[in-house]
Amino acid sequence: MVNKTNAFDDEYEDITIPPANANKKKVLLIIIPILIIIGLIVSFYAVSLPKQNEKVQNYYIVETAASDGTSNNLIFYDLPEITTNLKNKSPETKIKLKLTLETSDSDKINTIEAYIPRIQNLIIEHLVETSAEELQSSEGLYWLKEELLYRINLTVYPIQIKDINFKIFDIQKIK
């Protein structure tokens, strides 16, 4: 009688084949920490290195043609956003303001940049003494624009600021 068991099976009976999931787990336990470390190194490298040739430009130049055929350059210099309290009795009122200064002195951009802290300070000083009721009408907004233009021109005297443009003008009452 022939034994129906296979001799091949008897020979390799003590060898166990690990399940496929065990190999995948070992690979994942090795690869995932390596990927995390590489990601941390790359992000640290990207954040800590100084940005080269990336200077934020706070102004832009527009070339305009005059009627006599000559060209003029207008420079629009963006001031940082200013948020401050207004003078008020009952509810606290805040104003958020972003201005653009208009000038034609293209060679004096560095001088304007040097005066930015002073310009911001005089804007805040003026706004703190202004009430929300004074700024509610178009007349009040025009008055604010003319007053700020006068004060800024006094501060940056050799440079002539032609106009002030409002990019953001938002009055908020906080209850």
N, C-alpha and C. Protein backbone atom coordinates (compact mmCIF):
# COMPACT_ATOMS: atom_id res chain seq x y z
N MET A 1 0.80 -1.16 0.00
CA MET A 1 0.00 0.00 0.00
C MET A 1 0.86 1.25 0.00
N VAL A 2 0.40 2.17 -0.70
CA VAL A 2 1.19 3.39 -0.87
C VAL A 2 0.70 4.42 0.13
N ASN A 3 1.70 5.00 0.78
CA ASN A 3 1.39 6.06 1.74
C ASN A 3 1.06 7.34 0.98
N LYS A 4 -0.07 7.93 1.28
CA LYS A 4 -0.50 9.09 0.53
C LYS A 4 0.15 10.39 1.02
N THR A 5 0.96 10.35 2.01
CA THR A 5 1.65 11.56 2.47
C THR A 5 2.84 11.80 1.57
N ASN A 6 3.12 12.97 1.39
CA ASN A 6 4.20 13.37 0.49
C ASN A 6 5.50 13.42 1.28
N ALA A 7 6.52 12.84 0.74
CA ALA A 7 7.82 12.83 1.39
C ALA A 7 8.41 14.22 1.43
N PHE A 8 8.06 15.02 0.47
CA PHE A 8 8.57 16.40 0.41
C PHE A 8 8.07 17.20 1.60
N ASP A 9 6.82 16.98 1.99
CA ASP A 9 6.24 17.69 3.12
C ASP A 9 6.91 17.28 4.42
N ASP A 10 7.28 16.01 4.55
CA ASP A 10 7.93 15.55 5.76
C ASP A 10 9.30 16.16 5.93
N GLU A 11 9.98 16.37 4.85
CA GLU A 11 11.33 16.88 4.89
C GLU A 11 11.38 18.32 5.41
N TYR A 12 10.44 19.12 5.00
CA TYR A 12 10.47 20.56 5.34
C TYR A 12 9.36 20.94 6.31
N GLU A 13 8.99 20.03 7.12
CA GLU A 13 7.91 20.26 8.05
C GLU A 13 8.28 21.25 9.16
N ASP A 14 9.52 21.29 9.57
CA ASP A 14 9.92 22.17 10.67
C ASP A 14 10.20 23.61 10.22
N ILE A 15 10.20 23.88 8.94
CA ILE A 15 10.40 25.26 8.45
C ILE A 15 9.05 25.95 8.43
N THR A 16 9.01 27.09 9.09
CA THR A 16 7.75 27.85 9.10
C THR A 16 7.91 29.09 8.23
N ILE A 17 6.93 29.37 7.48
CA ILE A 17 6.93 30.57 6.63
C ILE A 17 6.20 31.66 7.39
N PRO A 18 6.91 32.79 7.60
CA PRO A 18 6.25 33.87 8.33
C PRO A 18 5.13 34.47 7.47
N PRO A 19 4.10 34.96 8.10
CA PRO A 19 3.02 35.57 7.32
C PRO A 19 3.51 36.83 6.62
N ALA A 20 2.86 37.19 5.53
CA ALA A 20 3.27 38.34 4.73
C ALA A 20 3.12 39.64 5.52
N ASN A 21 2.20 39.69 6.43
CA ASN A 21 1.99 40.92 7.22
C ASN A 21 3.17 41.23 8.12
N ALA A 22 3.88 40.24 8.59
CA ALA A 22 5.02 40.47 9.48
C ALA A 22 6.13 41.20 8.74
N ASN A 23 6.39 40.82 7.50
CA ASN A 23 7.41 41.51 6.71
C ASN A 23 7.01 42.95 6.44
N LYS A 24 5.76 43.18 6.15
CA LYS A 24 5.29 44.54 5.90
C LYS A 24 5.43 45.40 7.15
N LYS A 25 5.15 44.83 8.29
CA LYS A 25 5.26 45.59 9.54
C LYS A 25 6.70 45.98 9.82
N LYS A 26 7.63 45.03 9.56
CA LYS A 26 9.05 45.34 9.78
C LYS A 26 9.51 46.45 8.86
N VAL A 27 9.08 46.39 7.60
CA VAL A 27 9.47 47.41 6.62
C VAL A 27 8.90 48.77 7.04
N LEU A 28 7.65 48.78 7.46
CA LEU A 28 7.03 50.03 7.89
C LEU A 28 7.70 50.60 9.13
N LEU A 29 8.11 49.73 10.05
CA LEU A 29 8.78 50.20 11.26
C LEU A 29 10.14 50.82 10.96
N ILE A 30 10.71 50.47 9.85
CA ILE A 30 12.00 51.04 9.45
C ILE A 30 11.80 52.27 8.58
N ILE A 31 10.89 52.20 7.62
CA ILE A 31 10.73 53.27 6.64
C ILE A 31 10.06 54.51 7.23
N ILE A 32 9.03 54.33 8.04
CA ILE A 32 8.29 55.49 8.56
C ILE A 32 9.18 56.40 9.42
N PRO A 33 9.96 55.90 10.36
CA PRO A 33 10.84 56.81 11.11
C PRO A 33 11.87 57.52 10.22
N ILE A 34 12.36 56.80 9.22
CA ILE A 34 13.32 57.43 8.30
C ILE A 34 12.66 58.57 7.54
N LEU A 35 11.44 58.36 7.06
CA LEU A 35 10.72 59.42 6.34
C LEU A 35 10.40 60.61 7.25
N ILE A 36 10.07 60.33 8.49
CA ILE A 36 9.79 61.42 9.44
C ILE A 36 11.05 62.23 9.70
N ILE A 37 12.16 61.57 9.88
CA ILE A 37 13.43 62.28 10.13
C ILE A 37 13.82 63.11 8.92
N ILE A 38 13.67 62.56 7.73
CA ILE A 38 14.00 63.32 6.51
C ILE A 38 13.09 64.54 6.39
N GLY A 39 11.80 64.36 6.68
CA GLY A 39 10.86 65.49 6.62
C GLY A 39 11.21 66.58 7.61
N LEU A 40 11.60 66.20 8.82
CA LEU A 40 11.99 67.19 9.83
C LEU A 40 13.25 67.94 9.41
N ILE A 41 14.20 67.23 8.86
CA ILE A 41 15.45 67.88 8.42
C ILE A 41 15.17 68.86 7.30
N VAL A 42 14.37 68.46 6.32
CA VAL A 42 14.06 69.34 5.19
C VAL A 42 13.28 70.57 5.65
N SER A 43 12.30 70.39 6.53
CA SER A 43 11.53 71.54 7.00
C SER A 43 12.39 72.48 7.85
N PHE A 44 13.25 71.93 8.69
CA PHE A 44 14.15 72.78 9.47
C PHE A 44 15.09 73.55 8.56
N TYR A 45 15.60 72.90 7.55
CA TYR A 45 16.49 73.53 6.58
C TYR A 45 15.78 74.67 5.85
N ALA A 46 14.53 74.44 5.44
CA ALA A 46 13.79 75.45 4.70
C ALA A 46 13.43 76.65 5.57
N VAL A 47 13.14 76.42 6.84
CA VAL A 47 12.75 77.51 7.73
C VAL A 47 13.95 78.30 8.23
N SER A 48 15.04 77.63 8.51
CA SER A 48 16.15 78.29 9.17
C SER A 48 17.07 79.05 8.22
N LEU A 49 17.10 78.69 6.97
CA LEU A 49 17.97 79.40 6.04
C LEU A 49 17.42 80.77 5.71
N PRO A 50 18.27 81.77 5.66
CA PRO A 50 17.78 83.10 5.26
C PRO A 50 17.41 83.08 3.79
N LYS A 51 16.33 83.79 3.49
CA LYS A 51 15.89 83.87 2.10
C LYS A 51 16.81 84.81 1.34
N GLN A 52 17.36 84.32 0.26
CA GLN A 52 18.27 85.13 -0.53
C GLN A 52 17.50 85.77 -1.68
N ASN A 53 17.80 87.02 -1.91
CA ASN A 53 17.21 87.80 -2.99
C ASN A 53 15.68 87.86 -2.89
N GLU A 54 15.15 87.78 -1.71
CA GLU A 54 13.71 87.89 -1.50
C GLU A 54 13.43 89.08 -0.60
N LYS A 55 13.50 90.26 -1.15
CA LYS A 55 13.16 91.44 -0.39
C LYS A 55 11.73 91.82 -0.75
N VAL A 56 10.90 92.00 0.26
CA VAL A 56 9.52 92.35 0.03
C VAL A 56 9.47 93.78 -0.48
N GLN A 57 8.84 93.95 -1.61
CA GLN A 57 8.75 95.28 -2.19
C GLN A 57 7.44 95.91 -1.75
N ASN A 58 7.53 97.02 -1.03
CA ASN A 58 6.37 97.70 -0.49
C ASN A 58 5.87 98.81 -1.40
N TYR A 59 6.40 98.91 -2.58
CA TYR A 59 5.99 99.98 -3.48
C TYR A 59 5.91 99.45 -4.90
N TYR A 60 5.21 100.19 -5.71
CA TYR A 60 5.19 99.88 -7.13
C TYR A 60 5.19 101.20 -7.89
N ILE A 61 5.72 101.16 -9.10
CA ILE A 61 5.92 102.35 -9.91
C ILE A 61 5.00 102.26 -11.13
N VAL A 62 4.30 103.36 -11.38
CA VAL A 62 3.42 103.45 -12.54
C VAL A 62 3.94 104.59 -13.41
N GLU A 63 4.17 104.28 -14.66
CA GLU A 63 4.66 105.30 -15.59
C GLU A 63 3.46 105.91 -16.30
N THR A 64 3.36 107.24 -16.23
CA THR A 64 2.26 107.95 -16.88
C THR A 64 2.82 108.89 -17.93
N ALA A 65 2.08 109.08 -18.99
CA ALA A 65 2.51 109.98 -20.07
C ALA A 65 1.82 111.33 -19.89
N ALA A 66 2.61 112.39 -19.99
CA ALA A 66 2.07 113.74 -19.89
C ALA A 66 1.60 114.18 -21.27
N SER A 67 0.86 115.28 -21.32
CA SER A 67 0.32 115.77 -22.59
C SER A 67 1.41 116.30 -23.52
N ASP A 68 2.55 116.71 -22.96
CA ASP A 68 3.63 117.23 -23.80
C ASP A 68 4.58 116.13 -24.30
N GLY A 69 4.26 114.89 -24.10
CA GLY A 69 5.07 113.78 -24.61
C GLY A 69 6.07 113.22 -23.62
N THR A 70 6.28 113.87 -22.48
CA THR A 70 7.21 113.35 -21.48
C THR A 70 6.49 112.31 -20.62
N SER A 71 7.28 111.54 -19.91
CA SER A 71 6.68 110.54 -19.03
C SER A 71 6.99 110.88 -17.58
N ASN A 72 6.04 110.57 -16.75
CA ASN A 72 6.15 110.77 -15.30
C ASN A 72 6.08 109.42 -14.62
N ASN A 73 6.78 109.27 -13.52
CA ASN A 73 6.66 108.07 -12.71
C ASN A 73 5.92 108.40 -11.43
N LEU A 74 4.90 107.61 -11.16
CA LEU A 74 4.20 107.73 -9.88
C LEU A 74 4.59 106.52 -9.05
N ILE A 75 4.94 106.77 -7.80
CA ILE A 75 5.30 105.69 -6.89
C ILE A 75 4.20 105.58 -5.85
N PHE A 76 3.67 104.37 -5.68
CA PHE A 76 2.67 104.09 -4.66
C PHE A 76 3.34 103.22 -3.61
N TYR A 77 3.49 103.77 -2.41
CA TYR A 77 4.16 103.06 -1.32
C TYR A 77 3.12 102.57 -0.32
N ASP A 78 3.05 101.25 -0.12
CA ASP A 78 2.09 100.66 0.81
C ASP A 78 2.62 100.71 2.24
N LEU A 79 1.84 101.30 3.12
CA LEU A 79 2.18 101.29 4.55
C LEU A 79 1.63 100.02 5.18
N PRO A 80 2.24 99.55 6.25
CA PRO A 80 1.68 98.38 6.96
C PRO A 80 0.31 98.71 7.55
N GLU A 81 -0.48 97.68 7.75
CA GLU A 81 -1.83 97.86 8.31
C GLU A 81 -1.73 98.36 9.75
N ILE A 82 -2.61 99.30 10.08
CA ILE A 82 -2.65 99.89 11.42
C ILE A 82 -4.00 99.60 12.04
N THR A 83 -4.00 99.10 13.26
CA THR A 83 -5.23 98.88 14.02
C THR A 83 -5.06 99.57 15.36
N THR A 84 -6.00 100.46 15.70
CA THR A 84 -5.90 101.19 16.95
C THR A 84 -7.31 101.53 17.46
N ASN A 85 -7.38 101.98 18.70
CA ASN A 85 -8.64 102.40 19.30
C ASN A 85 -8.93 103.84 18.93
N LEU A 86 -10.21 104.16 18.83
CA LEU A 86 -10.64 105.54 18.63
C LEU A 86 -11.12 106.11 19.96
N LYS A 87 -11.18 107.43 20.04
CA LYS A 87 -11.68 108.08 21.25
C LYS A 87 -13.18 107.90 21.29
N ASN A 88 -13.66 107.26 22.34
CA ASN A 88 -15.10 107.01 22.47
C ASN A 88 -15.46 106.90 23.93
N LYS A 89 -16.71 107.19 24.23
CA LYS A 89 -17.16 107.16 25.62
C LYS A 89 -17.65 105.77 26.03
N SER A 90 -18.65 105.24 25.34
CA SER A 90 -19.26 104.00 25.81
C SER A 90 -18.65 102.74 25.18
N PRO A 91 -19.09 102.28 24.01
CA PRO A 91 -18.48 101.03 23.51
C PRO A 91 -17.10 101.31 22.91
N GLU A 92 -16.23 100.36 23.11
CA GLU A 92 -14.88 100.51 22.56
C GLU A 92 -14.96 100.41 21.04
N THR A 93 -14.29 101.33 20.37
CA THR A 93 -14.32 101.38 18.91
C THR A 93 -12.90 101.27 18.39
N LYS A 94 -12.69 100.34 17.45
CA LYS A 94 -11.38 100.15 16.83
C LYS A 94 -11.47 100.54 15.37
N ILE A 95 -10.33 100.96 14.84
CA ILE A 95 -10.25 101.27 13.42
C ILE A 95 -9.10 100.47 12.82
N LYS A 96 -9.37 99.90 11.67
CA LYS A 96 -8.34 99.18 10.92
C LYS A 96 -8.11 100.00 9.65
N LEU A 97 -6.85 100.31 9.39
CA LEU A 97 -6.51 101.25 8.33
C LEU A 97 -5.30 100.74 7.57
N LYS A 98 -5.36 100.78 6.25
CA LYS A 98 -4.20 100.48 5.40
C LYS A 98 -4.14 101.57 4.35
N LEU A 99 -2.99 102.24 4.30
CA LEU A 99 -2.83 103.40 3.43
C LEU A 99 -1.76 103.15 2.37
N THR A 100 -1.88 103.89 1.29
CA THR A 100 -0.85 103.93 0.25
C THR A 100 -0.48 105.39 0.03
N LEU A 101 0.81 105.67 0.08
CA LEU A 101 1.29 107.03 -0.16
C LEU A 101 1.66 107.16 -1.63
N GLU A 102 1.29 108.29 -2.22
CA GLU A 102 1.57 108.53 -3.62
C GLU A 102 2.58 109.67 -3.74
N THR A 103 3.67 109.41 -4.45
CA THR A 103 4.70 110.42 -4.65
C THR A 103 5.32 110.24 -6.04
N SER A 104 6.13 111.20 -6.44
CA SER A 104 6.82 111.07 -7.72
C SER A 104 8.34 111.09 -7.55
N ASP A 105 8.80 111.11 -6.31
CA ASP A 105 10.24 111.10 -6.02
C ASP A 105 10.75 109.67 -5.99
N SER A 106 11.08 109.12 -7.15
CA SER A 106 11.47 107.71 -7.22
C SER A 106 12.84 107.46 -6.57
N ASP A 107 13.67 108.47 -6.51
CA ASP A 107 15.00 108.27 -5.93
C ASP A 107 14.98 108.36 -4.39
N LYS A 108 13.83 108.65 -3.81
CA LYS A 108 13.73 108.82 -2.35
C LYS A 108 12.98 107.69 -1.67
N ILE A 109 12.87 106.55 -2.31
CA ILE A 109 12.14 105.42 -1.73
C ILE A 109 12.79 104.97 -0.42
N ASN A 110 14.11 104.91 -0.38
CA ASN A 110 14.80 104.49 0.84
C ASN A 110 14.55 105.47 1.99
N THR A 111 14.41 106.74 1.67
CA THR A 111 14.12 107.74 2.70
C THR A 111 12.72 107.52 3.26
N ILE A 112 11.77 107.21 2.39
CA ILE A 112 10.40 106.94 2.84
C ILE A 112 10.41 105.72 3.76
N GLU A 113 11.14 104.69 3.38
CA GLU A 113 11.21 103.48 4.21
C GLU A 113 11.80 103.78 5.59
N ALA A 114 12.73 104.71 5.65
CA ALA A 114 13.32 105.07 6.94
C ALA A 114 12.32 105.81 7.83
N TYR A 115 11.37 106.51 7.23
CA TYR A 115 10.37 107.28 7.98
C TYR A 115 9.12 106.48 8.34
N ILE A 116 9.01 105.24 7.95
CA ILE A 116 7.80 104.45 8.18
C ILE A 116 7.41 104.39 9.66
N PRO A 117 8.31 104.13 10.60
CA PRO A 117 7.87 104.11 12.02
C PRO A 117 7.31 105.46 12.48
N ARG A 118 7.90 106.54 12.02
CA ARG A 118 7.40 107.87 12.40
C ARG A 118 6.03 108.14 11.80
N ILE A 119 5.86 107.72 10.55
CA ILE A 119 4.57 107.92 9.88
C ILE A 119 3.49 107.12 10.59
N GLN A 120 3.78 105.87 10.92
CA GLN A 120 2.81 105.04 11.64
C GLN A 120 2.47 105.67 12.99
N ASN A 121 3.46 106.18 13.68
CA ASN A 121 3.25 106.79 14.98
C ASN A 121 2.34 108.01 14.87
N LEU A 122 2.57 108.87 13.90
CA LEU A 122 1.73 110.06 13.80
C LEU A 122 0.30 109.72 13.38
N ILE A 123 0.13 108.67 12.58
CA ILE A 123 -1.22 108.24 12.22
C ILE A 123 -1.96 107.73 13.45
N ILE A 124 -1.29 106.91 14.26
CA ILE A 124 -1.91 106.38 15.47
C ILE A 124 -2.22 107.50 16.46
N GLU A 125 -1.29 108.45 16.63
CA GLU A 125 -1.53 109.58 17.53
C GLU A 125 -2.76 110.37 17.11
N HIS A 126 -2.91 110.56 15.83
CA HIS A 126 -4.06 111.33 15.36
C HIS A 126 -5.36 110.54 15.52
N LEU A 127 -5.33 109.26 15.22
CA LEU A 127 -6.55 108.45 15.30
C LEU A 127 -7.04 108.26 16.73
N VAL A 128 -6.12 108.19 17.69
CA VAL A 128 -6.50 108.00 19.09
C VAL A 128 -7.29 109.21 19.59
N GLU A 129 -7.04 110.37 19.05
CA GLU A 129 -7.74 111.59 19.46
C GLU A 129 -8.97 111.88 18.60
N THR A 130 -9.33 110.96 17.71
CA THR A 130 -10.48 111.14 16.82
C THR A 130 -11.60 110.21 17.26
N SER A 131 -12.82 110.69 17.21
CA SER A 131 -13.95 109.84 17.58
C SER A 131 -14.55 109.20 16.33
N ALA A 132 -15.31 108.13 16.54
CA ALA A 132 -15.92 107.42 15.42
C ALA A 132 -16.96 108.29 14.73
N GLU A 133 -17.64 109.14 15.46
CA GLU A 133 -18.65 110.01 14.87
C GLU A 133 -18.04 111.00 13.87
N GLU A 134 -16.81 111.41 14.13
CA GLU A 134 -16.15 112.34 13.21
C GLU A 134 -15.80 111.68 11.89
N LEU A 135 -15.66 110.37 11.88
CA LEU A 135 -15.24 109.66 10.67
C LEU A 135 -16.39 108.97 9.93
N GLN A 136 -17.62 109.08 10.43
CA GLN A 136 -18.74 108.36 9.83
C GLN A 136 -19.13 108.91 8.46
N SER A 137 -18.99 110.18 8.24
CA SER A 137 -19.44 110.78 6.98
C SER A 137 -18.29 110.88 5.99
N SER A 138 -18.63 111.17 4.74
CA SER A 138 -17.60 111.36 3.71
C SER A 138 -16.79 112.62 4.00
N GLU A 139 -17.43 113.60 4.63
CA GLU A 139 -16.72 114.82 5.02
C GLU A 139 -15.64 114.51 6.06
N GLY A 140 -15.97 113.64 7.00
CA GLY A 140 -15.00 113.24 8.02
C GLY A 140 -13.84 112.45 7.43
N LEU A 141 -14.13 111.60 6.46
CA LEU A 141 -13.07 110.82 5.80
C LEU A 141 -12.15 111.74 5.00
N TYR A 142 -12.75 112.74 4.32
CA TYR A 142 -11.95 113.71 3.57
C TYR A 142 -11.08 114.52 4.51
N TRP A 143 -11.65 114.92 5.66
CA TRP A 143 -10.89 115.68 6.65
C TRP A 143 -9.71 114.84 7.18
N LEU A 144 -9.96 113.55 7.46
CA LEU A 144 -8.89 112.66 7.93
C LEU A 144 -7.78 112.54 6.88
N LYS A 145 -8.17 112.37 5.65
CA LYS A 145 -7.19 112.24 4.56
C LYS A 145 -6.33 113.50 4.45
N GLU A 146 -6.94 114.66 4.47
CA GLU A 146 -6.19 115.91 4.36
C GLU A 146 -5.30 116.15 5.57
N GLU A 147 -5.79 115.82 6.76
CA GLU A 147 -5.00 116.01 7.98
C GLU A 147 -3.78 115.08 7.99
N LEU A 148 -3.99 113.82 7.60
CA LEU A 148 -2.87 112.87 7.55
C LEU A 148 -1.87 113.28 6.48
N LEU A 149 -2.35 113.74 5.33
CA LEU A 149 -1.45 114.18 4.26
C LEU A 149 -0.60 115.36 4.73
N TYR A 150 -1.21 116.30 5.43
CA TYR A 150 -0.48 117.45 5.96
C TYR A 150 0.60 117.01 6.95
N ARG A 151 0.23 116.14 7.88
CA ARG A 151 1.17 115.69 8.91
C ARG A 151 2.31 114.85 8.32
N ILE A 152 1.99 113.98 7.37
CA ILE A 152 3.04 113.15 6.75
C ILE A 152 4.00 114.01 5.96
N ASN A 153 3.49 115.02 5.23
CA ASN A 153 4.38 115.92 4.48
C ASN A 153 5.28 116.72 5.40
N LEU A 154 4.79 117.06 6.59
CA LEU A 154 5.66 117.74 7.56
C LEU A 154 6.77 116.80 8.04
N THR A 155 6.46 115.54 8.19
CA THR A 155 7.42 114.57 8.71
C THR A 155 8.50 114.24 7.68
N VAL A 156 8.13 114.08 6.43
CA VAL A 156 9.09 113.66 5.38
C VAL A 156 9.41 114.83 4.47
N TYR A 157 9.65 115.99 5.03
CA TYR A 157 9.71 117.25 4.31
C TYR A 157 10.42 117.25 2.96
N PRO A 158 11.63 116.77 2.81
CA PRO A 158 12.22 116.91 1.46
C PRO A 158 11.42 116.16 0.40
N ILE A 159 10.69 115.18 0.80
CA ILE A 159 9.88 114.40 -0.14
C ILE A 159 8.47 114.98 -0.12
N GLN A 160 7.89 115.09 -1.28
CA GLN A 160 6.52 115.60 -1.38
C GLN A 160 5.56 114.44 -1.64
N ILE A 161 4.72 114.15 -0.66
CA ILE A 161 3.67 113.13 -0.81
C ILE A 161 2.47 113.84 -1.46
N LYS A 162 2.06 113.34 -2.63
CA LYS A 162 0.98 114.00 -3.37
C LYS A 162 -0.40 113.62 -2.87
N ASP A 163 -0.56 112.37 -2.48
CA ASP A 163 -1.89 111.92 -2.11
C ASP A 163 -1.79 110.71 -1.18
N ILE A 164 -2.88 110.45 -0.49
CA ILE A 164 -3.00 109.26 0.35
C ILE A 164 -4.21 108.49 -0.17
N ASN A 165 -4.04 107.20 -0.38
CA ASN A 165 -5.14 106.35 -0.82
C ASN A 165 -5.45 105.34 0.28
N PHE A 166 -6.74 105.16 0.55
CA PHE A 166 -7.17 104.20 1.55
C PHE A 166 -7.37 102.84 0.88
N LYS A 167 -6.68 101.84 1.36
CA LYS A 167 -6.91 100.47 0.88
C LYS A 167 -7.90 99.77 1.78
N ILE A 168 -7.74 99.95 3.08
CA ILE A 168 -8.67 99.39 4.08
C ILE A 168 -9.05 100.52 5.03
N PHE A 169 -10.34 100.67 5.25
CA PHE A 169 -10.84 101.63 6.23
C PHE A 169 -12.04 100.99 6.88
N ASP A 170 -11.86 100.47 8.09
CA ASP A 170 -12.89 99.69 8.75
C ASP A 170 -13.00 100.13 10.21
N ILE A 171 -14.19 100.58 10.59
CA ILE A 171 -14.47 100.97 11.98
C ILE A 171 -15.32 99.89 12.59
N GLN A 172 -14.88 99.37 13.76
CA GLN A 172 -15.58 98.27 14.42
C GLN A 172 -15.91 98.69 15.86
N LYS A 173 -17.17 98.51 16.23
CA LYS A 173 -17.56 98.76 17.61
C LYS A 173 -17.57 97.44 18.34
N ILE A 174 -16.82 97.38 19.43
CA ILE A 174 -16.72 96.16 20.24
C ILE A 174 -17.59 96.34 21.47
N LYS A 175 -18.51 95.42 21.67
CA LYS A 175 -19.45 95.54 22.80
C LYS A 175 -18.99 94.79 23.99
